[in-house]
């Protein structure tokens, strides 16, 4: 899990830098982003899978890793996450394959311990 931990440490360091140096627009956008992923008509848990699929279709590896971690922490099983990644491949086409392949590598770091669906 070293890669996932290193990703999170780097993300946190850079986010703190961004919050410190960023202007009002940056801070407002980050607040909007955070608010979007809270429970609403759709539970936050579901929104993480939506974020994962969108990130894969847009081919953003940092975003994919972040939403993989958030989806995992929200209680989605590895199999459910893989199924969401299959939706991303169908929507995004073959160009998403390298990104989904890397996502499988992150999932492999977690191991195959079953997680229960909520």
PDB file of N, CA and C in Angstrom:
ATOM      1  N   UNK A   1       0.826  -1.196   0.000  1.00  0.00           N
ATOM      2  CA  UNK A   1       0.000   0.000   0.000  1.00  0.00           C
ATOM      3  C   UNK A   1       0.870   1.261   0.000  1.00  0.00           C
ATOM      4  N   UNK A   2       2.171   1.086  -0.134  1.00  0.00           N
ATOM      5  CA  UNK A   2       3.097   2.215  -0.096  1.00  0.00           C
ATOM      6  C   UNK A   2       2.761   3.256  -1.160  1.00  0.00           C
ATOM      7  N   UNK A   3       2.415   2.814  -2.363  1.00  0.00           N
ATOM      8  CA  UNK A   3       2.105   3.775  -3.426  1.00  0.00           C
ATOM      9  C   UNK A   3       0.876   4.606  -3.081  1.00  0.00           C
ATOM     10  N   UNK A   4      -0.158   3.973  -2.559  1.00  0.00           N
ATOM     11  CA  UNK A   4      -1.371   4.695  -2.186  1.00  0.00           C
ATOM     12  C   UNK A   4      -1.082   5.659  -1.039  1.00  0.00           C
ATOM     13  N   UNK A   5      -0.285   5.229  -0.077  1.00  0.00           N
ATOM     14  CA  UNK A   5       0.063   6.114   1.043  1.00  0.00           C
ATOM     15  C   UNK A   5       0.901   7.287   0.561  1.00  0.00           C
ATOM     16  N   UNK A   6       1.854   7.015  -0.306  1.00  0.00           N
ATOM     17  CA  UNK A   6       2.696   8.075  -0.847  1.00  0.00           C
ATOM     18  C   UNK A   6       1.854   9.052  -1.671  1.00  0.00           C
ATOM     19  N   UNK A   7       0.895   8.544  -2.429  1.00  0.00           N
ATOM     20  CA  UNK A   7      -0.014   9.394  -3.190  1.00  0.00           C
ATOM     21  C   UNK A   7      -0.759  10.325  -2.241  1.00  0.00           C
ATOM     22  N   UNK A   8      -1.305   9.761  -1.168  1.00  0.00           N
ATOM     23  CA  UNK A   8      -2.094  10.555  -0.226  1.00  0.00           C
ATOM     24  C   UNK A   8      -1.227  11.619   0.453  1.00  0.00           C
ATOM     25  N   UNK A   9      -0.019  11.276   0.841  1.00  0.00           N
ATOM     26  CA  UNK A   9       0.879  12.250   1.472  1.00  0.00           C
ATOM     27  C   UNK A   9       1.204  13.393   0.507  1.00  0.00           C
ATOM     28  N   UNK A  10       1.520  13.049  -0.713  1.00  0.00           N
ATOM     29  CA  UNK A  10       1.841  14.064  -1.723  1.00  0.00           C
ATOM     30  C   UNK A  10       0.623  14.929  -2.012  1.00  0.00           C
ATOM     31  N   UNK A  11      -0.541  14.312  -2.121  1.00  0.00           N
ATOM     32  CA  UNK A  11      -1.771  15.055  -2.387  1.00  0.00           C
ATOM     33  C   UNK A  11      -2.053  16.035  -1.258  1.00  0.00           C
ATOM     34  N   UNK A  12      -1.910  15.572  -0.027  1.00  0.00           N
ATOM     35  CA  UNK A  12      -2.170  16.441   1.129  1.00  0.00           C
ATOM     36  C   UNK A  12      -1.176  17.608   1.170  1.00  0.00           C
ATOM     37  N   UNK A  13       0.091  17.327   0.912  1.00  0.00           N
ATOM     38  CA  UNK A  13       1.107  18.382   0.920  1.00  0.00           C
ATOM     39  C   UNK A  13       0.794  19.445  -0.130  1.00  0.00           C
ATOM     40  N   UNK A  14       0.465  18.993  -1.327  1.00  0.00           N
ATOM     41  CA  UNK A  14       0.191  19.933  -2.406  1.00  0.00           C
ATOM     42  C   UNK A  14      -1.136  20.667  -2.203  1.00  0.00           C
ATOM     43  N   UNK A  15      -2.120  19.984  -1.609  1.00  0.00           N
ATOM     44  CA  UNK A  15      -3.395  20.646  -1.322  1.00  0.00           C
ATOM     45  C   UNK A  15      -3.189  21.766  -0.307  1.00  0.00           C
ATOM     46  N   UNK A  16      -2.381  21.501   0.719  1.00  0.00           N
ATOM     47  CA  UNK A  16      -2.088  22.539   1.709  1.00  0.00           C
ATOM     48  C   UNK A  16      -1.388  23.726   1.066  1.00  0.00           C
ATOM     49  N   UNK A  17      -0.460  23.457   0.157  1.00  0.00           N
ATOM     50  CA  UNK A  17       0.224  24.519  -0.567  1.00  0.00           C
ATOM     51  C   UNK A  17      -0.770  25.322  -1.403  1.00  0.00           C
ATOM     52  N   UNK A  18      -1.661  24.608  -2.079  1.00  0.00           N
ATOM     53  CA  UNK A  18      -2.667  25.260  -2.912  1.00  0.00           C
ATOM     54  C   UNK A  18      -3.589  26.142  -2.070  1.00  0.00           C
ATOM     55  N   UNK A  19      -4.000  25.638  -0.904  1.00  0.00           N
ATOM     56  CA  UNK A  19      -4.867  26.424  -0.019  1.00  0.00           C
ATOM     57  C   UNK A  19      -4.135  27.650   0.522  1.00  0.00           C
ATOM     58  N   UNK A  20      -2.858  27.500   0.799  1.00  0.00           N
ATOM     59  CA  UNK A  20      -2.066  28.607   1.343  1.00  0.00           C
ATOM     60  C   UNK A  20      -1.817  29.684   0.287  1.00  0.00           C
ATOM     61  N   UNK A  21      -1.493  29.262  -0.919  1.00  0.00           N
ATOM     62  CA  UNK A  21      -1.087  30.202  -1.971  1.00  0.00           C
ATOM     63  C   UNK A  21      -2.217  30.595  -2.926  1.00  0.00           C
ATOM     64  N   UNK A  22      -3.264  29.779  -2.973  1.00  0.00           N
ATOM     65  CA  UNK A  22      -4.341  30.034  -3.919  1.00  0.00           C
ATOM     66  C   UNK A  22      -5.186  31.231  -3.527  1.00  0.00           C
ATOM     67  N   UNK A  23      -5.807  31.814  -4.517  1.00  0.00           N
ATOM     68  CA  UNK A  23      -6.677  32.959  -4.289  1.00  0.00           C
ATOM     69  C   UNK A  23      -8.096  32.545  -3.929  1.00  0.00           C
ATOM     70  N   UNK A  24      -8.940  33.531  -3.873  1.00  0.00           N
ATOM     71  CA  UNK A  24     -10.334  33.315  -3.487  1.00  0.00           C
ATOM     72  C   UNK A  24     -11.050  32.370  -4.451  1.00  0.00           C
ATOM     73  N   UNK A  25     -10.788  32.495  -5.743  1.00  0.00           N
ATOM     74  CA  UNK A  25     -11.443  31.626  -6.724  1.00  0.00           C
ATOM     75  C   UNK A  25     -11.051  30.172  -6.502  1.00  0.00           C
ATOM     76  N   UNK A  26      -9.773  29.927  -6.243  1.00  0.00           N
ATOM     77  CA  UNK A  26      -9.306  28.565  -5.967  1.00  0.00           C
ATOM     78  C   UNK A  26     -10.019  28.001  -4.749  1.00  0.00           C
ATOM     79  N   UNK A  27     -10.080  28.770  -3.692  1.00  0.00           N
ATOM     80  CA  UNK A  27     -10.714  28.304  -2.454  1.00  0.00           C
ATOM     81  C   UNK A  27     -12.205  28.074  -2.641  1.00  0.00           C
ATOM     82  N   UNK A  28     -12.852  28.926  -3.394  1.00  0.00           N
ATOM     83  CA  UNK A  28     -14.287  28.746  -3.665  1.00  0.00           C
ATOM     84  C   UNK A  28     -14.532  27.481  -4.478  1.00  0.00           C
ATOM     85  N   UNK A  29     -13.685  27.253  -5.465  1.00  0.00           N
ATOM     86  CA  UNK A  29     -13.840  26.045  -6.277  1.00  0.00           C
ATOM     87  C   UNK A  29     -13.641  24.794  -5.428  1.00  0.00           C
ATOM     88  N   UNK A  30     -12.628  24.800  -4.576  1.00  0.00           N
ATOM     89  CA  UNK A  30     -12.384  23.633  -3.719  1.00  0.00           C
ATOM     90  C   UNK A  30     -13.536  23.408  -2.753  1.00  0.00           C
ATOM     91  N   UNK A  31     -14.145  24.469  -2.249  1.00  0.00           N
ATOM     92  CA  UNK A  31     -15.323  24.331  -1.385  1.00  0.00           C
ATOM     93  C   UNK A  31     -16.499  23.743  -2.155  1.00  0.00           C
ATOM     94  N   UNK A  32     -16.682  24.193  -3.393  1.00  0.00           N
ATOM     95  CA  UNK A  32     -17.753  23.650  -4.236  1.00  0.00           C
ATOM     96  C   UNK A  32     -17.530  22.164  -4.487  1.00  0.00           C
ATOM     97  N   UNK A  33     -16.284  21.799  -4.797  1.00  0.00           N
ATOM     98  CA  UNK A  33     -15.945  20.399  -5.031  1.00  0.00           C
ATOM     99  C   UNK A  33     -16.267  19.559  -3.796  1.00  0.00           C
ATOM    100  N   UNK A  34     -15.846  20.036  -2.644  1.00  0.00           N
ATOM    101  CA  UNK A  34     -16.091  19.301  -1.396  1.00  0.00           C
ATOM    102  C   UNK A  34     -17.597  19.175  -1.119  1.00  0.00           C
ATOM    103  N   UNK A  35     -18.333  20.240  -1.324  1.00  0.00           N
ATOM    104  CA  UNK A  35     -19.782  20.224  -1.073  1.00  0.00           C
ATOM    105  C   UNK A  35     -20.503  19.268  -2.024  1.00  0.00           C
ATOM    106  N   UNK A  36     -20.030  19.168  -3.243  1.00  0.00           N
ATOM    107  CA  UNK A  36     -20.670  18.315  -4.242  1.00  0.00           C
ATOM    108  C   UNK A  36     -20.661  16.850  -3.814  1.00  0.00           C
ATOM    109  N   UNK A  37     -19.620  16.427  -3.121  1.00  0.00           N
ATOM    110  CA  UNK A  37     -19.478  15.019  -2.753  1.00  0.00           C
ATOM    111  C   UNK A  37     -20.107  14.680  -1.406  1.00  0.00           C
ATOM    112  N   UNK A  38     -20.827  15.609  -0.794  1.00  0.00           N
ATOM    113  CA  UNK A  38     -21.549  15.315   0.444  1.00  0.00           C
ATOM    114  C   UNK A  38     -22.877  14.633   0.108  1.00  0.00           C
ATOM    115  N   UNK A  39     -23.468  14.003   1.122  1.00  0.00           N
ATOM    116  CA  UNK A  39     -24.797  13.410   0.952  1.00  0.00           C
ATOM    117  C   UNK A  39     -25.776  14.466   0.453  1.00  0.00           C
ATOM    118  N   UNK A  40     -26.592  14.072  -0.475  1.00  0.00           N
ATOM    119  CA  UNK A  40     -27.670  14.905  -1.004  1.00  0.00           C
ATOM    120  C   UNK A  40     -28.768  13.954  -1.423  1.00  0.00           C
ATOM    121  N   UNK A  41     -29.408  14.214  -2.539  1.00  0.00           N
ATOM    122  CA  UNK A  41     -30.372  13.254  -3.054  1.00  0.00           C
ATOM    123  C   UNK A  41     -29.673  11.938  -3.363  1.00  0.00           C
ATOM    124  N   UNK A  42     -28.429  12.038  -3.808  1.00  0.00           N
ATOM    125  CA  UNK A  42     -27.585  10.848  -3.959  1.00  0.00           C
ATOM    126  C   UNK A  42     -26.669  10.782  -2.747  1.00  0.00           C
ATOM    127  N   UNK A  43     -26.484   9.603  -2.188  1.00  0.00           N
ATOM    128  CA  UNK A  43     -25.552   9.487  -1.063  1.00  0.00           C
ATOM    129  C   UNK A  43     -24.113   9.749  -1.514  1.00  0.00           C
ATOM    130  N   UNK A  44     -23.318  10.297  -0.605  1.00  0.00           N
ATOM    131  CA  UNK A  44     -21.911  10.583  -0.895  1.00  0.00           C
ATOM    132  C   UNK A  44     -21.211   9.336  -1.424  1.00  0.00           C
ATOM    133  N   UNK A  45     -21.578   8.214  -0.893  1.00  0.00           N
ATOM    134  CA  UNK A  45     -20.990   6.927  -1.286  1.00  0.00           C
ATOM    135  C   UNK A  45     -21.160   6.677  -2.784  1.00  0.00           C
ATOM    136  N   UNK A  46     -22.358   6.946  -3.297  1.00  0.00           N
ATOM    137  CA  UNK A  46     -22.620   6.763  -4.731  1.00  0.00           C
ATOM    138  C   UNK A  46     -21.872   7.792  -5.565  1.00  0.00           C
ATOM    139  N   UNK A  47     -21.777   8.999  -5.041  1.00  0.00           N
ATOM    140  CA  UNK A  47     -21.098  10.062  -5.771  1.00  0.00           C
ATOM    141  C   UNK A  47     -19.622   9.720  -6.000  1.00  0.00           C
ATOM    142  N   UNK A  48     -19.027   8.975  -5.080  1.00  0.00           N
ATOM    143  CA  UNK A  48     -17.630   8.585  -5.262  1.00  0.00           C
ATOM    144  C   UNK A  48     -17.467   7.670  -6.467  1.00  0.00           C
ATOM    145  N   UNK A  49     -18.394   6.732  -6.649  1.00  0.00           N
ATOM    146  CA  UNK A  49     -18.317   5.883  -7.848  1.00  0.00           C
ATOM    147  C   UNK A  49     -18.531   6.699  -9.119  1.00  0.00           C
ATOM    148  N   UNK A  50     -19.442   7.676  -9.056  1.00  0.00           N
ATOM    149  CA  UNK A  50     -19.645   8.554 -10.208  1.00  0.00           C
ATOM    150  C   UNK A  50     -18.365   9.334 -10.508  1.00  0.00           C
ATOM    151  N   UNK A  51     -17.712   9.827  -9.462  1.00  0.00           N
ATOM    152  CA  UNK A  51     -16.454  10.537  -9.639  1.00  0.00           C
ATOM    153  C   UNK A  51     -15.386   9.642 -10.223  1.00  0.00           C
ATOM    154  N   UNK A  52     -15.370   8.391  -9.795  1.00  0.00           N
ATOM    155  CA  UNK A  52     -14.400   7.425 -10.316  1.00  0.00           C
ATOM    156  C   UNK A  52     -14.615   7.194 -11.810  1.00  0.00           C
ATOM    157  N   UNK A  53     -15.849   6.976 -12.206  1.00  0.00           N
ATOM    158  CA  UNK A  53     -16.149   6.734 -13.620  1.00  0.00           C
ATOM    159  C   UNK A  53     -15.794   7.966 -14.451  1.00  0.00           C
ATOM    160  N   UNK A  54     -16.191   9.142 -13.982  1.00  0.00           N
ATOM    161  CA  UNK A  54     -15.877  10.365 -14.721  1.00  0.00           C
ATOM    162  C   UNK A  54     -14.366  10.560 -14.833  1.00  0.00           C
ATOM    163  N   UNK A  55     -13.642  10.296 -13.768  1.00  0.00           N
ATOM    164  CA  UNK A  55     -12.187  10.450 -13.770  1.00  0.00           C
ATOM    165  C   UNK A  55     -11.523   9.508 -14.756  1.00  0.00           C
ATOM    166  N   UNK A  56     -12.029   8.285 -14.832  1.00  0.00           N
ATOM    167  CA  UNK A  56     -11.472   7.314 -15.778  1.00  0.00           C
ATOM    168  C   UNK A  56     -11.764   7.739 -17.215  1.00  0.00           C
ATOM    169  N   UNK A  57     -12.985   8.194 -17.459  1.00  0.00           N
ATOM    170  CA  UNK A  57     -13.343   8.628 -18.811  1.00  0.00           C
ATOM    171  C   UNK A  57     -12.498   9.842 -19.216  1.00  0.00           C
ATOM    172  N   UNK A  58     -12.229  10.722 -18.256  1.00  0.00           N
ATOM    173  CA  UNK A  58     -11.411  11.912 -18.544  1.00  0.00           C
ATOM    174  C   UNK A  58      -9.917  11.618 -18.480  1.00  0.00           C
ATOM    175  N   UNK A  59      -9.561  10.404 -18.062  1.00  0.00           N
ATOM    176  CA  UNK A  59      -8.182   9.918 -18.052  1.00  0.00           C
ATOM    177  C   UNK A  59      -7.261  10.720 -17.134  1.00  0.00           C
ATOM    178  N   UNK A  60      -7.753  10.959 -15.915  1.00  0.00           N
ATOM    179  CA  UNK A  60      -6.960  11.674 -14.905  1.00  0.00           C
ATOM    180  C   UNK A  60      -6.516  10.672 -13.840  1.00  0.00           C
ATOM    181  N   UNK A  61      -5.265  10.224 -13.916  1.00  0.00           N
ATOM    182  CA  UNK A  61      -4.786   9.190 -12.990  1.00  0.00           C
ATOM    183  C   UNK A  61      -4.835   9.633 -11.531  1.00  0.00           C
ATOM    184  N   UNK A  62      -4.474  10.889 -11.232  1.00  0.00           N
ATOM    185  CA  UNK A  62      -4.569  11.362  -9.849  1.00  0.00           C
ATOM    186  C   UNK A  62      -6.019  11.304  -9.356  1.00  0.00           C
ATOM    187  N   UNK A  63      -6.939  11.737 -10.211  1.00  0.00           N
ATOM    188  CA  UNK A  63      -8.361  11.715  -9.839  1.00  0.00           C
ATOM    189  C   UNK A  63      -8.853  10.283  -9.650  1.00  0.00           C
ATOM    190  N   UNK A  64      -8.421   9.391 -10.528  1.00  0.00           N
ATOM    191  CA  UNK A  64      -8.810   7.983 -10.425  1.00  0.00           C
ATOM    192  C   UNK A  64      -8.331   7.416  -9.091  1.00  0.00           C
ATOM    193  N   UNK A  65      -7.072   7.663  -8.756  1.00  0.00           N
ATOM    194  CA  UNK A  65      -6.521   7.149  -7.495  1.00  0.00           C
ATOM    195  C   UNK A  65      -7.281   7.714  -6.311  1.00  0.00           C
ATOM    196  N   UNK A  66      -7.558   9.004  -6.329  1.00  0.00           N
ATOM    197  CA  UNK A  66      -8.304   9.633  -5.231  1.00  0.00           C
ATOM    198  C   UNK A  66      -9.683   8.998  -5.091  1.00  0.00           C
ATOM    199  N   UNK A  67     -10.414   8.875  -6.184  1.00  0.00           N
ATOM    200  CA  UNK A  67     -11.773   8.327  -6.108  1.00  0.00           C
ATOM    201  C   UNK A  67     -11.764   6.828  -5.822  1.00  0.00           C
ATOM    202  N   UNK A  68     -10.719   6.118  -6.229  1.00  0.00           N
ATOM    203  CA  UNK A  68     -10.582   4.718  -5.821  1.00  0.00           C
ATOM    204  C   UNK A  68     -10.491   4.630  -4.307  1.00  0.00           C
ATOM    205  N   UNK A  69      -9.626   5.464  -3.722  1.00  0.00           N
ATOM    206  CA  UNK A  69      -9.471   5.451  -2.258  1.00  0.00           C
ATOM    207  C   UNK A  69     -10.775   5.828  -1.571  1.00  0.00           C
ATOM    208  N   UNK A  70     -11.425   6.870  -2.057  1.00  0.00           N
ATOM    209  CA  UNK A  70     -12.677   7.316  -1.439  1.00  0.00           C
ATOM    210  C   UNK A  70     -13.775   6.259  -1.587  1.00  0.00           C
ATOM    211  N   UNK A  71     -13.840   5.619  -2.742  1.00  0.00           N
ATOM    212  CA  UNK A  71     -14.841   4.564  -2.953  1.00  0.00           C
ATOM    213  C   UNK A  71     -14.577   3.385  -2.030  1.00  0.00           C
ATOM    214  N   UNK A  72     -13.322   3.034  -1.893  1.00  0.00           N
ATOM    215  CA  UNK A  72     -12.930   1.932  -0.999  1.00  0.00           C
ATOM    216  C   UNK A  72     -13.313   2.269   0.446  1.00  0.00           C
ATOM    217  N   UNK A  73     -12.985   3.485   0.874  1.00  0.00           N
ATOM    218  CA  UNK A  73     -13.319   3.906   2.238  1.00  0.00           C
ATOM    219  C   UNK A  73     -14.828   4.011   2.451  1.00  0.00           C
ATOM    220  N   UNK A  74     -15.573   4.273   1.382  1.00  0.00           N
ATOM    221  CA  UNK A  74     -17.032   4.360   1.481  1.00  0.00           C
ATOM    222  C   UNK A  74     -17.681   2.979   1.571  1.00  0.00           C
ATOM    223  N   UNK A  75     -16.851   1.934   1.436  1.00  0.00           N
ATOM    224  CA  UNK A  75     -17.375   0.589   1.627  1.00  0.00           C
ATOM    225  C   UNK A  75     -17.694  -0.188   0.367  1.00  0.00           C
ATOM    226  N   UNK A  76     -17.377   0.368  -0.803  1.00  0.00           N
ATOM    227  CA  UNK A  76     -17.606  -0.394  -2.031  1.00  0.00           C
ATOM    228  C   UNK A  76     -16.611  -1.545  -2.078  1.00  0.00           C
ATOM    229  N   UNK A  77     -17.068  -2.702  -2.498  1.00  0.00           N
ATOM    230  CA  UNK A  77     -16.174  -3.855  -2.625  1.00  0.00           C
ATOM    231  C   UNK A  77     -15.275  -3.675  -3.842  1.00  0.00           C
ATOM    232  N   UNK A  78     -14.175  -4.394  -3.857  1.00  0.00           N
ATOM    233  CA  UNK A  78     -13.283  -4.355  -5.018  1.00  0.00           C
ATOM    234  C   UNK A  78     -14.034  -4.743  -6.285  1.00  0.00           C
ATOM    235  N   UNK A  79     -14.912  -5.735  -6.196  1.00  0.00           N
ATOM    236  CA  UNK A  79     -15.673  -6.169  -7.373  1.00  0.00           C
ATOM    237  C   UNK A  79     -16.630  -5.077  -7.849  1.00  0.00           C
ATOM    238  N   UNK A  80     -17.254  -4.367  -6.917  1.00  0.00           N
ATOM    239  CA  UNK A  80     -18.158  -3.273  -7.303  1.00  0.00           C
ATOM    240  C   UNK A  80     -17.370  -2.143  -7.974  1.00  0.00           C
ATOM    241  N   UNK A  81     -16.194  -1.858  -7.439  1.00  0.00           N
ATOM    242  CA  UNK A  81     -15.350  -0.820  -8.028  1.00  0.00           C
ATOM    243  C   UNK A  81     -14.906  -1.238  -9.427  1.00  0.00           C
ATOM    244  N   UNK A  82     -14.541  -2.504  -9.582  1.00  0.00           N
ATOM    245  CA  UNK A  82     -14.146  -2.990 -10.916  1.00  0.00           C
ATOM    246  C   UNK A  82     -15.307  -2.878 -11.904  1.00  0.00           C
ATOM    247  N   UNK A  83     -16.512  -3.157 -11.432  1.00  0.00           N
ATOM    248  CA  UNK A  83     -17.674  -3.046 -12.320  1.00  0.00           C
ATOM    249  C   UNK A  83     -17.878  -1.590 -12.749  1.00  0.00           C
ATOM    250  N   UNK A  84     -17.679  -0.661 -11.844  1.00  0.00           N
ATOM    251  CA  UNK A  84     -17.779   0.761 -12.202  1.00  0.00           C
ATOM    252  C   UNK A  84     -16.716   1.120 -13.238  1.00  0.00           C
ATOM    253  N   UNK A  85     -15.515   0.559 -13.084  1.00  0.00           N
ATOM    254  CA  UNK A  85     -14.450   0.811 -14.056  1.00  0.00           C
ATOM    255  C   UNK A  85     -14.796   0.227 -15.423  1.00  0.00           C
ATOM    256  N   UNK A  86     -15.558  -0.855 -15.449  1.00  0.00           N
ATOM    257  CA  UNK A  86     -16.019  -1.409 -16.722  1.00  0.00           C
ATOM    258  C   UNK A  86     -16.976  -0.442 -17.414  1.00  0.00           C
ATOM    259  N   UNK A  87     -17.830   0.205 -16.627  1.00  0.00           N
ATOM    260  CA  UNK A  87     -18.715   1.227 -17.205  1.00  0.00           C
ATOM    261  C   UNK A  87     -17.865   2.339 -17.819  1.00  0.00           C
ATOM    262  N   UNK A  88     -16.819   2.746 -17.102  1.00  0.00           N
ATOM    263  CA  UNK A  88     -15.938   3.804 -17.608  1.00  0.00           C
ATOM    264  C   UNK A  88     -15.291   3.405 -18.931  1.00  0.00           C
ATOM    265  N   UNK A  89     -14.865   2.152 -19.034  1.00  0.00           N
ATOM    266  CA  UNK A  89     -14.245   1.700 -20.292  1.00  0.00           C
ATOM    267  C   UNK A  89     -15.242   1.731 -21.438  1.00  0.00           C
ATOM    268  N   UNK A  90     -16.466   1.319 -21.177  1.00  0.00           N
ATOM    269  CA  UNK A  90     -17.479   1.313 -22.237  1.00  0.00           C
ATOM    270  C   UNK A  90     -17.795   2.749 -22.663  1.00  0.00           C
ATOM    271  N   UNK A  91     -17.914   3.641 -21.696  1.00  0.00           N
ATOM    272  CA  UNK A  91     -18.219   5.038 -22.014  1.00  0.00           C
ATOM    273  C   UNK A  91     -17.027   5.724 -22.669  1.00  0.00           C
ATOM    274  N   UNK A  92     -15.827   5.482 -22.127  1.00  0.00           N
ATOM    275  CA  UNK A  92     -14.642   6.189 -22.588  1.00  0.00           C
ATOM    276  C   UNK A  92     -13.928   5.556 -23.751  1.00  0.00           C
ATOM    277  N   UNK A  93     -14.161   4.293 -23.989  1.00  0.00           N
ATOM    278  CA  UNK A  93     -13.513   3.614 -25.099  1.00  0.00           C
ATOM    279  C   UNK A  93     -12.135   3.078 -24.749  1.00  0.00           C
ATOM    280  N   UNK A  94     -11.478   2.551 -25.750  1.00  0.00           N
ATOM    281  CA  UNK A  94     -10.212   1.851 -25.517  1.00  0.00           C
ATOM    282  C   UNK A  94      -9.112   2.766 -24.994  1.00  0.00           C
ATOM    283  N   UNK A  95      -9.236   4.064 -25.186  1.00  0.00           N
ATOM    284  CA  UNK A  95      -8.209   4.977 -24.695  1.00  0.00           C
ATOM    285  C   UNK A  95      -8.144   5.003 -23.166  1.00  0.00           C
ATOM    286  N   UNK A  96      -9.202   4.518 -22.508  1.00  0.00           N
ATOM    287  CA  UNK A  96      -9.208   4.475 -21.035  1.00  0.00           C
ATOM    288  C   UNK A  96      -8.494   3.244 -20.489  1.00  0.00           C
ATOM    289  N   UNK A  97      -8.186   2.280 -21.339  1.00  0.00           N
ATOM    290  CA  UNK A  97      -7.613   1.011 -20.864  1.00  0.00           C
ATOM    291  C   UNK A  97      -6.349   1.206 -20.034  1.00  0.00           C
ATOM    292  N   UNK A  98      -5.369   2.026 -20.444  1.00  0.00           N
ATOM    293  CA  UNK A  98      -4.175   2.180 -19.605  1.00  0.00           C
ATOM    294  C   UNK A  98      -4.502   2.743 -18.214  1.00  0.00           C
ATOM    295  N   UNK A  99      -5.482   3.605 -18.134  1.00  0.00           N
ATOM    296  CA  UNK A  99      -5.863   4.218 -16.861  1.00  0.00           C
ATOM    297  C   UNK A  99      -6.594   3.213 -15.973  1.00  0.00           C
ATOM    298  N   UNK A 100      -7.455   2.426 -16.585  1.00  0.00           N
ATOM    299  CA  UNK A 100      -8.154   1.382 -15.827  1.00  0.00           C
ATOM    300  C   UNK A 100      -7.152   0.317 -15.386  1.00  0.00           C
ATOM    301  N   UNK A 101      -6.192   0.017 -16.221  1.00  0.00           N
ATOM    302  CA  UNK A 101      -5.151  -0.948 -15.863  1.00  0.00           C
ATOM    303  C   UNK A 101      -4.401  -0.479 -14.613  1.00  0.00           C
ATOM    304  N   UNK A 102      -4.037   0.806 -14.567  1.00  0.00           N
ATOM    305  CA  UNK A 102      -3.358   1.339 -13.372  1.00  0.00           C
ATOM    306  C   UNK A 102      -4.283   1.303 -12.163  1.00  0.00           C
ATOM    307  N   UNK A 103      -5.566   1.528 -12.376  1.00  0.00           N
ATOM    308  CA  UNK A 103      -6.536   1.451 -11.272  1.00  0.00           C
ATOM    309  C   UNK A 103      -6.568   0.040 -10.683  1.00  0.00           C
ATOM    310  N   UNK A 104      -6.495  -0.961 -11.538  1.00  0.00           N
ATOM    311  CA  UNK A 104      -6.439  -2.346 -11.051  1.00  0.00           C
ATOM    312  C   UNK A 104      -5.208  -2.566 -10.182  1.00  0.00           C
ATOM    313  N   UNK A 105      -4.104  -1.904 -10.524  1.00  0.00           N
ATOM    314  CA  UNK A 105      -2.899  -2.004  -9.707  1.00  0.00           C
ATOM    315  C   UNK A 105      -3.114  -1.442  -8.317  1.00  0.00           C
ATOM    316  N   UNK A 106      -3.835  -0.340  -8.219  1.00  0.00           N
ATOM    317  CA  UNK A 106      -4.146   0.238  -6.904  1.00  0.00           C
ATOM    318  C   UNK A 106      -5.032  -0.719  -6.125  1.00  0.00           C
ATOM    319  N   UNK A 107      -6.042  -1.258  -6.781  1.00  0.00           N
ATOM    320  CA  UNK A 107      -6.938  -2.208  -6.113  1.00  0.00           C
ATOM    321  C   UNK A 107      -6.154  -3.411  -5.615  1.00  0.00           C
ATOM    322  N   UNK A 108      -5.195  -3.878  -6.413  1.00  0.00           N
ATOM    323  CA  UNK A 108      -4.380  -5.025  -6.003  1.00  0.00           C
ATOM    324  C   UNK A 108      -3.604  -4.725  -4.724  1.00  0.00           C
ATOM    325  N   UNK A 109      -3.169  -3.481  -4.548  1.00  0.00           N
ATOM    326  CA  UNK A 109      -2.466  -3.101  -3.318  1.00  0.00           C
ATOM    327  C   UNK A 109      -3.323  -3.333  -2.083  1.00  0.00           C
ATOM    328  N   UNK A 110      -4.635  -3.185  -2.230  1.00  0.00           N
ATOM    329  CA  UNK A 110      -5.529  -3.365  -1.089  1.00  0.00           C
ATOM    330  C   UNK A 110      -5.661  -4.829  -0.697  1.00  0.00           C
ATOM    331  N   UNK A 111      -5.413  -5.713  -1.627  1.00  0.00           N
ATOM    332  CA  UNK A 111      -5.670  -7.129  -1.397  1.00  0.00           C
ATOM    333  C   UNK A 111      -7.106  -7.456  -1.764  1.00  0.00           C
ATOM    334  N   UNK A 112      -7.432  -8.699  -1.666  1.00  0.00           N
ATOM    335  CA  UNK A 112      -8.762  -9.140  -2.090  1.00  0.00           C
ATOM    336  C   UNK A 112      -9.695  -9.408  -0.915  1.00  0.00           C
ATOM    337  N   UNK A 113      -9.391  -8.828   0.227  1.00  0.00           N
ATOM    338  CA  UNK A 113     -10.290  -9.009   1.373  1.00  0.00           C
ATOM    339  C   UNK A 113     -11.673  -8.501   0.988  1.00  0.00           C
ATOM    340  N   UNK A 114     -12.687  -9.328   1.179  1.00  0.00           N
ATOM    341  CA  UNK A 114     -14.033  -8.882   0.789  1.00  0.00           C
ATOM    342  C   UNK A 114     -14.496  -7.736   1.662  1.00  0.00           C
ATOM    343  N   UNK A 115     -15.142  -6.784   1.036  1.00  0.00           N
ATOM    344  CA  UNK A 115     -15.760  -5.680   1.757  1.00  0.00           C
ATOM    345  C   UNK A 115     -17.257  -5.802   1.525  1.00  0.00           C
ATOM    346  N   UNK A 116     -18.027  -5.473   2.513  1.00  0.00           N
ATOM    347  CA  UNK A 116     -19.462  -5.614   2.347  1.00  0.00           C
ATOM    348  C   UNK A 116     -20.036  -4.364   1.695  1.00  0.00           C
ATOM    349  N   UNK A 117     -21.040  -4.547   0.890  1.00  0.00           N
ATOM    350  CA  UNK A 117     -21.761  -3.427   0.303  1.00  0.00           C
ATOM    351  C   UNK A 117     -22.681  -2.859   1.359  1.00  0.00           C
ATOM    352  N   UNK A 118     -22.813  -1.558   1.339  1.00  0.00           N
ATOM    353  CA  UNK A 118     -23.725  -0.911   2.303  1.00  0.00           C
ATOM    354  C   UNK A 118     -24.990  -0.516   1.627  1.00  0.00           C
TER     355      UNK A 118
END
